[in-house]
Amino acid sequence: MTDKNMPEPPQPDIEEKDESVSGEIKEYDDDGNLTTVSNFKNGKLEGKFFTYNENTLLIQDSVFADHKLNGESVFYDDDGRIAMKANFINGKLDGPMTI
């Protein structure tokens, strides 16, 4: 199912880091569960980006370029099934989302 009039999927609210920050950063919740894996280059999101739910199941698999969604993003439901796919160029939805 596709629908061009659907709202855009949420983009992660990740602040830019100091320009010296480059490489993979893993974030964990208070219980030690992995919540986010992000890649930075010169303080900006660059490359693969993953978020996980409280059960450590993947819920978002995206690609960033210059701190903006760029490429295919796949969003999963709490059971690990694909819930939505969308393509982005420079942070803007490019084409329909697939559900």
Protein backbone atom coordinates (compact mmCIF):
# COMPACT_ATOMS: atom_id res chain seq x y z
CA MET A 1 0.00 0.00 0.00
CA THR A 2 1.33 3.45 -0.83
CA ASP A 3 -0.10 6.89 -0.13
CA LYS A 4 1.52 10.17 -1.15
CA ASN A 5 -0.70 12.11 1.30
CA MET A 6 0.48 10.29 4.42
CA PRO A 7 2.50 12.30 6.94
CA GLU A 8 6.26 11.97 6.81
CA PRO A 9 7.79 9.43 9.17
CA PRO A 10 9.44 10.94 12.23
CA GLN A 11 13.07 11.87 11.92
CA PRO A 12 15.24 11.24 14.94
CA ASP A 13 15.93 14.24 17.11
CA ILE A 14 19.68 13.78 17.37
CA GLU A 15 21.71 16.87 18.08
CA GLU A 16 24.83 17.55 16.08
CA LYS A 17 27.98 16.80 18.02
CA ASP A 18 31.25 18.65 18.32
CA GLU A 19 33.04 18.64 14.94
CA SER A 20 35.69 16.33 16.37
CA VAL A 21 33.14 13.53 16.84
CA SER A 22 33.41 10.88 14.13
CA GLY A 23 32.63 7.18 14.12
CA GLU A 24 30.01 4.90 15.61
CA ILE A 25 28.17 5.85 18.79
CA LYS A 26 26.05 3.37 20.75
CA GLU A 27 23.50 4.57 23.30
CA TYR A 28 21.91 2.48 26.04
CA ASP A 29 18.92 2.88 28.35
CA ASP A 30 19.18 2.82 32.16
CA ASP A 31 18.90 -1.00 32.13
CA GLY A 32 21.84 -1.36 29.76
CA ASN A 33 19.76 -2.19 26.67
CA LEU A 34 20.96 -0.87 23.34
CA THR A 35 18.66 1.93 22.08
CA THR A 36 20.56 3.63 19.25
CA VAL A 37 23.51 3.00 16.97
CA SER A 38 24.49 6.06 14.98
CA ASN A 39 27.44 7.07 12.85
CA PHE A 40 28.93 10.53 12.85
CA LYS A 41 31.37 12.37 10.63
CA ASN A 42 32.65 15.75 11.77
CA GLY A 43 29.83 15.99 14.33
CA LYS A 44 26.96 15.19 11.93
CA LEU A 45 24.98 12.01 11.37
CA GLU A 46 26.53 10.22 8.41
CA GLY A 47 25.80 6.66 7.35
CA LYS A 48 23.69 3.96 8.95
CA PHE A 49 21.39 4.76 11.87
CA PHE A 50 19.52 2.17 13.94
CA THR A 51 17.04 2.51 16.81
CA TYR A 52 15.75 -0.31 19.02
CA ASN A 53 12.71 -0.73 21.25
CA GLU A 54 12.77 -1.69 24.94
CA ASN A 55 13.03 -5.37 23.90
CA THR A 56 16.10 -4.53 21.75
CA LEU A 57 14.20 -5.28 18.52
CA LEU A 58 15.14 -3.08 15.58
CA ILE A 59 12.51 -0.37 14.95
CA GLN A 60 14.33 1.92 12.52
CA ASP A 61 17.03 1.31 9.92
CA SER A 62 17.95 4.52 8.10
CA VAL A 63 20.78 6.23 6.25
CA PHE A 64 21.94 9.78 6.88
CA ALA A 65 24.08 12.20 4.91
CA ASP A 66 25.12 15.55 6.41
CA HIS A 67 22.72 15.06 9.37
CA LYS A 68 19.67 14.53 7.09
CA LEU A 69 17.82 11.36 6.14
CA ASN A 70 19.13 10.31 2.76
CA GLY A 71 18.18 7.00 1.17
CA GLU A 72 15.82 4.25 2.22
CA SER A 73 14.45 4.15 5.75
CA VAL A 74 12.72 1.05 7.05
CA PHE A 75 10.51 1.19 10.13
CA TYR A 76 9.50 -1.96 12.04
CA ASP A 77 6.64 -2.73 14.39
CA ASP A 78 7.18 -4.08 17.91
CA ASP A 79 7.16 -7.64 16.57
CA GLY A 80 10.02 -6.96 14.16
CA ARG A 81 7.86 -6.91 11.01
CA ILE A 82 8.33 -4.17 8.42
CA ALA A 83 5.72 -1.49 9.11
CA MET A 84 6.80 1.13 6.59
CA LYS A 85 9.46 1.97 4.03
CA ALA A 86 10.26 5.44 2.74
CA ASN A 87 12.96 7.03 0.64
CA PHE A 88 14.50 10.39 1.52
CA ILE A 89 16.70 12.91 -0.25
CA ASN A 90 18.28 15.64 1.89
CA GLY A 91 15.77 15.04 4.71
CA LYS A 92 12.68 15.27 2.49
CA LEU A 93 10.39 12.40 1.60
CA ASP A 94 11.08 11.30 -1.97
CA GLY A 95 8.14 9.38 -3.37
CA PRO A 96 5.43 7.46 -1.58
CA MET A 97 5.80 5.58 1.65
CA THR A 98 5.12 1.86 1.44
CA ILE A 99 3.15 0.22 4.20
